[in-house]
Amino acid sequence: MLPIINLPVKIVRLFTSNVSPNEIASGVCLGMFMGFIPLNGPMAVFLLCIFFIFKINRLAAMLVLPLFKLFYILGISTLTEWFGGVLLIDSTALKPFWSVITHMPILALLDFNNTLVAGGFALSAILCIVIFPFSAKGVIVLRTKYFDKIKNTKFVKWFLKLPIIVKILSLTGKTE
């Protein structure tokens, strides 16, 4: 099956399923963490393990990851590098903390001594304070206010009658 055709079905199912808004918000936050750090190091592997181990909405994480990675490429990387430099190099009060973190056996492997990783991780942690409740509330609002209106539009009714969509829905056991 074509992934592009299957994606709208998964997005619709994301809002109609019994997945809690907190799980979706957790997926959004994990996607932000993965988007704001370089994906070629041990921290990316660690976040990928979190992706598979913990109960988060993986679809939400995969949907927002390209968005946050685009922000990262368009200039957030400069901000994360600066922020990581402030945390790792310029802040004398944090030097004992970083000395302990970078010398612990497991945490030393996570590349926290890299300014991009430390800055991206810290920026994501700070933004999670805002993004998590905003995402959870957004899911609730979309489910209550807009989904019934969207579900009854002519486009959605036409889309759900497409033969390939009918086949996908019948294979997954869904009739809507």
N, C-alpha and C. Protein backbone atom coordinates (compact mmCIF):
# COMPACT_ATOMS: atom_id res chain seq x y z
N MET A 1 0.83 -1.19 0.00
CA MET A 1 0.00 0.00 0.00
C MET A 1 0.87 1.24 0.00
N LEU A 2 0.37 2.27 -0.58
CA LEU A 2 1.10 3.52 -0.61
C LEU A 2 1.01 4.22 0.73
N PRO A 3 2.16 4.58 1.29
CA PRO A 3 2.13 5.23 2.61
C PRO A 3 1.42 6.58 2.60
N ILE A 4 1.46 7.27 1.48
CA ILE A 4 0.83 8.58 1.41
C ILE A 4 -0.69 8.44 1.50
N ILE A 5 -1.24 7.39 0.93
CA ILE A 5 -2.68 7.17 1.00
C ILE A 5 -3.06 6.68 2.40
N ASN A 6 -2.21 5.89 3.01
CA ASN A 6 -2.48 5.34 4.33
C ASN A 6 -2.37 6.40 5.43
N LEU A 7 -1.58 7.45 5.22
CA LEU A 7 -1.35 8.47 6.24
C LEU A 7 -2.62 9.22 6.65
N PRO A 8 -3.47 9.69 5.72
CA PRO A 8 -4.70 10.36 6.18
C PRO A 8 -5.61 9.45 7.01
N VAL A 9 -5.63 8.18 6.69
CA VAL A 9 -6.44 7.24 7.47
C VAL A 9 -5.90 7.16 8.89
N LYS A 10 -4.57 7.11 9.02
CA LYS A 10 -3.97 7.04 10.35
C LYS A 10 -4.21 8.33 11.13
N ILE A 11 -4.16 9.46 10.46
CA ILE A 11 -4.40 10.73 11.15
C ILE A 11 -5.84 10.81 11.63
N VAL A 12 -6.78 10.39 10.79
CA VAL A 12 -8.18 10.38 11.21
C VAL A 12 -8.36 9.43 12.38
N ARG A 13 -7.71 8.28 12.32
CA ARG A 13 -7.82 7.30 13.40
C ARG A 13 -7.18 7.83 14.69
N LEU A 14 -6.17 8.68 14.57
CA LEU A 14 -5.53 9.27 15.74
C LEU A 14 -6.53 10.06 16.57
N PHE A 15 -7.42 10.77 15.91
CA PHE A 15 -8.39 11.58 16.63
C PHE A 15 -9.66 10.83 17.00
N THR A 16 -9.90 9.69 16.36
CA THR A 16 -11.11 8.94 16.69
C THR A 16 -10.85 7.79 17.64
N SER A 17 -9.60 7.45 17.84
CA SER A 17 -9.30 6.30 18.69
C SER A 17 -9.45 6.65 20.16
N ASN A 18 -9.27 5.65 20.99
CA ASN A 18 -9.38 5.84 22.43
C ASN A 18 -8.03 6.20 23.06
N VAL A 19 -7.12 6.70 22.28
CA VAL A 19 -5.81 7.11 22.79
C VAL A 19 -6.01 8.37 23.63
N SER A 20 -5.41 8.39 24.80
CA SER A 20 -5.58 9.55 25.67
C SER A 20 -4.83 10.76 25.11
N PRO A 21 -5.33 11.94 25.37
CA PRO A 21 -4.63 13.15 24.92
C PRO A 21 -3.22 13.26 25.49
N ASN A 22 -2.99 12.71 26.68
CA ASN A 22 -1.65 12.75 27.26
C ASN A 22 -0.67 11.88 26.48
N GLU A 23 -1.13 10.75 25.95
CA GLU A 23 -0.26 9.91 25.13
C GLU A 23 0.12 10.63 23.84
N ILE A 24 -0.84 11.31 23.24
CA ILE A 24 -0.57 12.06 22.02
C ILE A 24 0.38 13.21 22.32
N ALA A 25 0.15 13.92 23.42
CA ALA A 25 1.03 15.02 23.80
C ALA A 25 2.44 14.52 24.11
N SER A 26 2.55 13.34 24.71
CA SER A 26 3.86 12.75 24.96
C SER A 26 4.58 12.45 23.65
N GLY A 27 3.84 11.96 22.67
CA GLY A 27 4.43 11.72 21.36
C GLY A 27 4.90 13.00 20.70
N VAL A 28 4.13 14.06 20.85
CA VAL A 28 4.53 15.36 20.29
C VAL A 28 5.81 15.84 20.96
N CYS A 29 5.89 15.70 22.27
CA CYS A 29 7.09 16.14 22.99
C CYS A 29 8.31 15.30 22.61
N LEU A 30 8.13 13.98 22.45
CA LEU A 30 9.25 13.15 22.03
C LEU A 30 9.69 13.52 20.62
N GLY A 31 8.74 13.81 19.75
CA GLY A 31 9.09 14.27 18.40
C GLY A 31 9.87 15.58 18.45
N MET A 32 9.54 16.45 19.40
CA MET A 32 10.28 17.70 19.55
C MET A 32 11.70 17.41 20.04
N PHE A 33 11.85 16.52 21.02
CA PHE A 33 13.19 16.16 21.49
C PHE A 33 14.03 15.63 20.35
N MET A 34 13.45 14.73 19.55
CA MET A 34 14.20 14.15 18.44
C MET A 34 14.47 15.18 17.34
N GLY A 35 13.59 16.15 17.22
CA GLY A 35 13.78 17.17 16.20
C GLY A 35 14.83 18.20 16.55
N PHE A 36 15.04 18.44 17.83
CA PHE A 36 15.97 19.49 18.25
C PHE A 36 17.36 18.99 18.61
N ILE A 37 17.65 17.72 18.40
CA ILE A 37 19.00 17.22 18.59
C ILE A 37 19.48 16.61 17.28
N PRO A 38 20.81 16.50 17.09
CA PRO A 38 21.30 15.80 15.89
C PRO A 38 20.92 14.33 15.95
N LEU A 39 20.49 13.78 14.83
CA LEU A 39 20.03 12.39 14.80
C LEU A 39 21.14 11.42 14.41
N ASN A 40 22.38 11.77 14.68
CA ASN A 40 23.48 10.89 14.31
C ASN A 40 24.35 10.52 15.50
N GLY A 41 23.78 10.53 16.68
CA GLY A 41 24.58 10.23 17.86
C GLY A 41 23.88 9.31 18.82
N PRO A 42 24.52 9.06 19.95
CA PRO A 42 23.93 8.14 20.93
C PRO A 42 22.65 8.67 21.57
N MET A 43 22.49 9.98 21.66
CA MET A 43 21.25 10.53 22.23
C MET A 43 20.06 10.18 21.33
N ALA A 44 20.26 10.17 20.03
CA ALA A 44 19.18 9.79 19.11
C ALA A 44 18.80 8.33 19.31
N VAL A 45 19.78 7.48 19.55
CA VAL A 45 19.50 6.06 19.81
C VAL A 45 18.73 5.91 21.12
N PHE A 46 19.13 6.68 22.12
CA PHE A 46 18.43 6.66 23.41
C PHE A 46 16.97 7.09 23.24
N LEU A 47 16.74 8.17 22.50
CA LEU A 47 15.37 8.64 22.28
C LEU A 47 14.57 7.64 21.44
N LEU A 48 15.24 6.95 20.53
CA LEU A 48 14.57 5.91 19.76
C LEU A 48 14.15 4.75 20.66
N CYS A 49 14.98 4.42 21.64
CA CYS A 49 14.60 3.39 22.62
C CYS A 49 13.38 3.84 23.43
N ILE A 50 13.35 5.11 23.83
CA ILE A 50 12.18 5.64 24.53
C ILE A 50 10.94 5.55 23.64
N PHE A 51 11.14 5.81 22.35
CA PHE A 51 10.06 5.73 21.37
C PHE A 51 9.40 4.35 21.39
N PHE A 52 10.21 3.29 21.52
CA PHE A 52 9.67 1.94 21.47
C PHE A 52 9.27 1.38 22.83
N ILE A 53 9.88 1.85 23.91
CA ILE A 53 9.64 1.25 25.22
C ILE A 53 8.42 1.84 25.92
N PHE A 54 8.30 3.16 25.91
CA PHE A 54 7.27 3.80 26.72
C PHE A 54 5.95 3.94 25.95
N LYS A 55 4.89 4.14 26.71
CA LYS A 55 3.55 4.24 26.12
C LYS A 55 3.30 5.69 25.69
N ILE A 56 3.68 5.95 24.47
CA ILE A 56 3.42 7.25 23.85
C ILE A 56 2.74 6.98 22.52
N ASN A 57 2.22 7.99 21.91
CA ASN A 57 1.62 7.82 20.60
C ASN A 57 2.71 7.99 19.55
N ARG A 58 3.09 6.90 18.95
CA ARG A 58 4.19 6.91 17.99
C ARG A 58 3.84 7.68 16.72
N LEU A 59 2.58 7.62 16.33
CA LEU A 59 2.15 8.36 15.14
C LEU A 59 2.30 9.86 15.34
N ALA A 60 1.94 10.35 16.50
CA ALA A 60 2.10 11.78 16.78
C ALA A 60 3.57 12.17 16.74
N ALA A 61 4.43 11.32 17.30
CA ALA A 61 5.87 11.62 17.29
C ALA A 61 6.40 11.65 15.86
N MET A 62 5.96 10.70 15.03
CA MET A 62 6.44 10.66 13.65
C MET A 62 5.89 11.81 12.81
N LEU A 63 4.70 12.28 13.16
CA LEU A 63 4.12 13.39 12.39
C LEU A 63 4.79 14.72 12.70
N VAL A 64 5.17 14.95 13.96
CA VAL A 64 5.75 16.25 14.32
C VAL A 64 7.26 16.28 14.18
N LEU A 65 7.91 15.11 14.12
CA LEU A 65 9.36 15.08 13.98
C LEU A 65 9.85 15.87 12.77
N PRO A 66 9.29 15.68 11.56
CA PRO A 66 9.77 16.48 10.43
C PRO A 66 9.55 17.98 10.62
N LEU A 67 8.47 18.35 11.28
CA LEU A 67 8.20 19.77 11.52
C LEU A 67 9.28 20.38 12.42
N PHE A 68 9.57 19.71 13.54
CA PHE A 68 10.59 20.23 14.45
C PHE A 68 11.98 20.13 13.84
N LYS A 69 12.24 19.12 13.01
CA LYS A 69 13.54 19.01 12.35
C LYS A 69 13.69 20.13 11.32
N LEU A 70 12.59 20.52 10.68
CA LEU A 70 12.63 21.66 9.76
C LEU A 70 12.96 22.95 10.52
N PHE A 71 12.32 23.15 11.67
CA PHE A 71 12.66 24.31 12.51
C PHE A 71 14.13 24.28 12.89
N TYR A 72 14.63 23.09 13.21
CA TYR A 72 16.03 22.92 13.60
C TYR A 72 16.96 23.33 12.46
N ILE A 73 16.63 22.88 11.26
CA ILE A 73 17.47 23.20 10.10
C ILE A 73 17.39 24.68 9.76
N LEU A 74 16.23 25.28 9.93
CA LEU A 74 16.04 26.69 9.56
C LEU A 74 16.60 27.68 10.57
N GLY A 75 17.16 27.23 11.69
CA GLY A 75 17.78 28.18 12.58
C GLY A 75 17.76 27.86 14.05
N ILE A 76 16.94 26.92 14.46
CA ILE A 76 16.92 26.56 15.87
C ILE A 76 18.25 25.91 16.26
N SER A 77 18.95 25.29 15.30
CA SER A 77 20.24 24.66 15.62
C SER A 77 21.23 25.70 16.14
N THR A 78 21.18 26.90 15.59
CA THR A 78 22.06 27.97 16.08
C THR A 78 21.69 28.33 17.52
N LEU A 79 20.41 28.39 17.80
CA LEU A 79 19.96 28.67 19.16
C LEU A 79 20.35 27.55 20.12
N THR A 80 20.19 26.30 19.70
CA THR A 80 20.54 25.18 20.58
C THR A 80 22.05 25.13 20.82
N GLU A 81 22.83 25.44 19.80
CA GLU A 81 24.29 25.45 19.99
C GLU A 81 24.70 26.56 20.96
N TRP A 82 24.09 27.74 20.81
CA TRP A 82 24.38 28.84 21.73
C TRP A 82 23.96 28.48 23.15
N PHE A 83 22.75 27.93 23.28
CA PHE A 83 22.22 27.57 24.59
C PHE A 83 23.09 26.48 25.24
N GLY A 84 23.51 25.50 24.44
CA GLY A 84 24.39 24.46 24.95
C GLY A 84 25.74 25.03 25.37
N GLY A 85 26.24 26.01 24.62
CA GLY A 85 27.50 26.66 25.00
C GLY A 85 27.37 27.41 26.31
N VAL A 86 26.24 28.07 26.49
CA VAL A 86 26.00 28.78 27.76
C VAL A 86 25.94 27.78 28.91
N LEU A 87 25.23 26.67 28.70
CA LEU A 87 25.08 25.68 29.77
C LEU A 87 26.39 24.95 30.07
N LEU A 88 27.13 24.58 29.03
CA LEU A 88 28.33 23.76 29.23
C LEU A 88 29.59 24.57 29.51
N ILE A 89 29.73 25.73 28.88
CA ILE A 89 31.00 26.46 28.93
C ILE A 89 30.92 27.70 29.79
N ASP A 90 29.93 28.53 29.55
CA ASP A 90 29.89 29.86 30.16
C ASP A 90 29.38 29.86 31.60
N SER A 91 28.54 28.94 31.96
CA SER A 91 27.94 28.94 33.30
C SER A 91 28.87 28.25 34.29
N THR A 92 29.47 29.05 35.15
CA THR A 92 30.39 28.47 36.14
C THR A 92 29.63 27.74 37.25
N ALA A 93 28.40 28.12 37.50
CA ALA A 93 27.62 27.47 38.55
C ALA A 93 27.25 26.03 38.17
N LEU A 94 27.18 25.75 36.87
CA LEU A 94 26.79 24.41 36.43
C LEU A 94 27.98 23.47 36.18
N LYS A 95 29.20 23.96 36.32
CA LYS A 95 30.37 23.12 36.04
C LYS A 95 30.42 21.87 36.91
N PRO A 96 30.14 21.95 38.22
CA PRO A 96 30.13 20.70 39.00
C PRO A 96 29.05 19.72 38.53
N PHE A 97 27.89 20.24 38.16
CA PHE A 97 26.81 19.39 37.65
C PHE A 97 27.25 18.67 36.38
N TRP A 98 27.81 19.40 35.44
CA TRP A 98 28.23 18.80 34.18
C TRP A 98 29.41 17.85 34.39
N SER A 99 30.24 18.13 35.35
CA SER A 99 31.35 17.23 35.66
C SER A 99 30.82 15.88 36.13
N VAL A 100 29.79 15.91 36.96
CA VAL A 100 29.19 14.66 37.43
C VAL A 100 28.48 13.94 36.29
N ILE A 101 27.71 14.67 35.50
CA ILE A 101 26.94 14.07 34.40
C ILE A 101 27.86 13.44 33.36
N THR A 102 28.91 14.15 32.98
CA THR A 102 29.78 13.64 31.92
C THR A 102 30.73 12.55 32.40
N HIS A 103 30.79 12.30 33.71
CA HIS A 103 31.64 11.22 34.22
C HIS A 103 30.85 10.02 34.73
N MET A 104 29.53 10.09 34.65
CA MET A 104 28.71 8.93 35.02
C MET A 104 28.76 7.93 33.87
N PRO A 105 28.84 6.64 34.17
CA PRO A 105 29.06 5.64 33.12
C PRO A 105 28.05 5.68 31.97
N ILE A 106 26.76 5.70 32.24
CA ILE A 106 25.77 5.66 31.17
C ILE A 106 25.55 7.04 30.57
N LEU A 107 25.43 8.05 31.40
CA LEU A 107 25.15 9.39 30.91
C LEU A 107 26.29 9.97 30.09
N ALA A 108 27.52 9.54 30.36
CA ALA A 108 28.66 10.02 29.58
C ALA A 108 28.55 9.57 28.12
N LEU A 109 27.91 8.44 27.90
CA LEU A 109 27.76 7.93 26.54
C LEU A 109 26.70 8.67 25.74
N LEU A 110 25.86 9.44 26.40
CA LEU A 110 24.75 10.11 25.71
C LEU A 110 25.15 11.42 25.05
N ASP A 111 26.40 11.77 25.09
CA ASP A 111 26.92 12.92 24.34
C ASP A 111 26.43 14.26 24.88
N PHE A 112 26.22 14.34 26.21
CA PHE A 112 25.80 15.61 26.79
C PHE A 112 26.91 16.67 26.75
N ASN A 113 28.15 16.26 26.47
CA ASN A 113 29.22 17.24 26.38
C ASN A 113 29.25 17.96 25.04
N ASN A 114 28.36 17.62 24.14
CA ASN A 114 28.21 18.29 22.85
C ASN A 114 27.23 19.45 23.03
N THR A 115 27.60 20.63 22.58
CA THR A 115 26.74 21.80 22.79
C THR A 115 25.41 21.66 22.07
N LEU A 116 25.41 21.05 20.88
CA LEU A 116 24.14 20.86 20.16
C LEU A 116 23.20 19.92 20.90
N VAL A 117 23.75 18.86 21.46
CA VAL A 117 22.92 17.89 22.17
C VAL A 117 22.41 18.48 23.48
N ALA A 118 23.32 19.07 24.26
CA ALA A 118 22.91 19.64 25.56
C ALA A 118 21.93 20.79 25.36
N GLY A 119 22.19 21.65 24.40
CA GLY A 119 21.29 22.78 24.14
C GLY A 119 19.95 22.33 23.61
N GLY A 120 19.95 21.37 22.68
CA GLY A 120 18.69 20.85 22.14
C GLY A 120 17.87 20.13 23.18
N PHE A 121 18.55 19.36 24.03
CA PHE A 121 17.84 18.64 25.08
C PHE A 121 17.25 19.61 26.10
N ALA A 122 18.04 20.60 26.51
CA ALA A 122 17.56 21.57 27.49
C ALA A 122 16.44 22.44 26.92
N LEU A 123 16.58 22.87 25.66
CA LEU A 123 15.54 23.68 25.04
C LEU A 123 14.24 22.88 24.90
N SER A 124 14.36 21.62 24.51
CA SER A 124 13.17 20.76 24.40
C SER A 124 12.51 20.55 25.75
N ALA A 125 13.32 20.37 26.78
CA ALA A 125 12.77 20.18 28.13
C ALA A 125 12.00 21.42 28.58
N ILE A 126 12.55 22.59 28.27
CA ILE A 126 11.87 23.84 28.64
C ILE A 126 10.58 24.01 27.83
N LEU A 127 10.65 23.73 26.52
CA LEU A 127 9.47 23.89 25.68
C LEU A 127 8.38 22.86 25.98
N CYS A 128 8.76 21.72 26.56
CA CYS A 128 7.75 20.71 26.93
C CYS A 128 6.77 21.24 27.96
N ILE A 129 7.22 22.18 28.76
CA ILE A 129 6.33 22.77 29.77
C ILE A 129 5.14 23.44 29.10
N VAL A 130 5.35 23.97 27.90
CA VAL A 130 4.28 24.64 27.16
C VAL A 130 3.63 23.70 26.14
N ILE A 131 4.45 22.93 25.43
CA ILE A 131 3.96 22.11 24.33
C ILE A 131 3.06 20.97 24.83
N PHE A 132 3.41 20.33 25.94
CA PHE A 132 2.62 19.20 26.42
C PHE A 132 1.18 19.58 26.73
N PRO A 133 0.92 20.59 27.59
CA PRO A 133 -0.49 20.92 27.85
C PRO A 133 -1.20 21.48 26.63
N PHE A 134 -0.47 22.22 25.80
CA PHE A 134 -1.07 22.78 24.58
C PHE A 134 -1.50 21.65 23.64
N SER A 135 -0.66 20.63 23.48
CA SER A 135 -0.99 19.50 22.61
C SER A 135 -2.16 18.70 23.16
N ALA A 136 -2.14 18.44 24.46
CA ALA A 136 -3.23 17.67 25.06
C ALA A 136 -4.56 18.41 24.92
N LYS A 137 -4.54 19.70 25.20
CA LYS A 137 -5.76 20.51 25.07
C LYS A 137 -6.20 20.59 23.61
N GLY A 138 -5.23 20.69 22.70
CA GLY A 138 -5.55 20.74 21.28
C GLY A 138 -6.24 19.48 20.80
N VAL A 139 -5.81 18.34 21.28
CA VAL A 139 -6.45 17.08 20.90
C VAL A 139 -7.89 17.05 21.41
N ILE A 140 -8.08 17.49 22.64
CA ILE A 140 -9.43 17.52 23.22
C ILE A 140 -10.33 18.44 22.40
N VAL A 141 -9.83 19.62 22.06
CA VAL A 141 -10.61 20.57 21.28
C VAL A 141 -10.93 20.01 19.90
N LEU A 142 -9.94 19.40 19.24
CA LEU A 142 -10.18 18.83 17.92
C LEU A 142 -11.21 17.71 17.99
N ARG A 143 -11.12 16.89 19.01
CA ARG A 143 -12.07 15.79 19.13
C ARG A 143 -13.49 16.28 19.40
N THR A 144 -13.64 17.27 20.25
CA THR A 144 -14.99 17.68 20.63
C THR A 144 -15.61 18.66 19.64
N LYS A 145 -14.85 19.63 19.18
CA LYS A 145 -15.43 20.69 18.36
C LYS A 145 -15.45 20.37 16.87
N TYR A 146 -14.31 19.95 16.36
CA TYR A 146 -14.16 19.95 14.92
C TYR A 146 -14.28 18.60 14.25
N PHE A 147 -14.08 17.51 14.96
CA PHE A 147 -14.05 16.24 14.26
C PHE A 147 -15.40 15.86 13.68
N ASP A 148 -16.48 16.09 14.40
CA ASP A 148 -17.81 15.77 13.86
C ASP A 148 -18.11 16.60 12.61
N LYS A 149 -17.69 17.86 12.64
CA LYS A 149 -17.90 18.72 11.46
C LYS A 149 -17.09 18.23 10.28
N ILE A 150 -15.84 17.86 10.53
CA ILE A 150 -14.97 17.39 9.45
C ILE A 150 -15.45 16.03 8.93
N LYS A 151 -15.89 15.17 9.83
CA LYS A 151 -16.33 13.83 9.45
C LYS A 151 -17.54 13.86 8.52
N ASN A 152 -18.36 14.87 8.63
CA ASN A 152 -19.57 14.96 7.82
C ASN A 152 -19.41 15.77 6.54
N THR A 153 -18.19 16.20 6.21
CA THR A 153 -18.00 16.96 4.97
C THR A 153 -18.06 16.03 3.77
N LYS A 154 -18.33 16.61 2.61
CA LYS A 154 -18.42 15.83 1.38
C LYS A 154 -17.08 15.20 1.01
N PHE A 155 -15.99 15.94 1.27
CA PHE A 155 -14.66 15.42 0.93
C PHE A 155 -14.34 14.15 1.72
N VAL A 156 -14.59 14.16 3.00
CA VAL A 156 -14.29 12.99 3.83
C VAL A 156 -15.17 11.82 3.42
N LYS A 157 -16.44 12.07 3.14
CA LYS A 157 -17.33 10.99 2.70
C LYS A 157 -16.85 10.42 1.36
N TRP A 158 -16.40 11.29 0.45
CA TRP A 158 -15.86 10.83 -0.83
C TRP A 158 -14.56 10.05 -0.60
N PHE A 159 -13.69 10.57 0.26
CA PHE A 159 -12.40 9.94 0.54
C PHE A 159 -12.59 8.55 1.13
N LEU A 160 -13.53 8.40 2.05
CA LEU A 160 -13.76 7.11 2.69
C LEU A 160 -14.40 6.09 1.75
N LYS A 161 -14.95 6.55 0.60
CA LYS A 161 -15.54 5.64 -0.37
C LYS A 161 -14.54 5.18 -1.43
N LEU A 162 -13.32 5.75 -1.42
CA LEU A 162 -12.31 5.31 -2.38
C LEU A 162 -12.01 3.83 -2.16
N PRO A 163 -11.86 3.07 -3.25
CA PRO A 163 -11.66 1.61 -3.10
C PRO A 163 -10.44 1.25 -2.25
N ILE A 164 -9.35 1.97 -2.42
CA ILE A 164 -8.15 1.62 -1.64
C ILE A 164 -8.34 1.93 -0.16
N ILE A 165 -9.07 2.99 0.16
CA ILE A 165 -9.33 3.33 1.56
C ILE A 165 -10.28 2.31 2.16
N VAL A 166 -11.28 1.88 1.40
CA VAL A 166 -12.21 0.85 1.88
C VAL A 166 -11.43 -0.43 2.17
N LYS A 167 -10.46 -0.75 1.29
CA LYS A 167 -9.66 -1.95 1.50
C LYS A 167 -8.79 -1.82 2.75
N ILE A 168 -8.17 -0.67 2.95
CA ILE A 168 -7.33 -0.46 4.14
C ILE A 168 -8.18 -0.58 5.40
N LEU A 169 -9.35 0.07 5.38
CA LEU A 169 -10.20 0.01 6.56
C LEU A 169 -10.73 -1.39 6.82
N SER A 170 -11.01 -2.15 5.76
CA SER A 170 -11.50 -3.52 5.96
C SER A 170 -10.40 -4.43 6.48
N LEU A 171 -9.16 -4.19 6.08
CA LEU A 171 -8.04 -4.99 6.59
C LEU A 171 -7.76 -4.72 8.06
N THR A 172 -8.02 -3.49 8.49
CA THR A 172 -7.76 -3.14 9.89
C THR A 172 -8.97 -3.38 10.77
N GLY A 173 -10.10 -3.76 10.18
CA GLY A 173 -11.29 -4.06 10.98
C GLY A 173 -12.15 -2.85 11.28
N LYS A 174 -11.85 -1.72 10.69
CA LYS A 174 -12.65 -0.51 10.91
C LYS A 174 -13.62 -0.35 9.74
N THR A 175 -14.80 0.14 10.05
CA THR A 175 -15.79 0.35 8.99
C THR A 175 -15.95 1.80 8.66
N GLU A 176 -15.38 2.69 9.46
CA GLU A 176 -15.52 4.13 9.21
C GLU A 176 -14.20 4.69 8.79
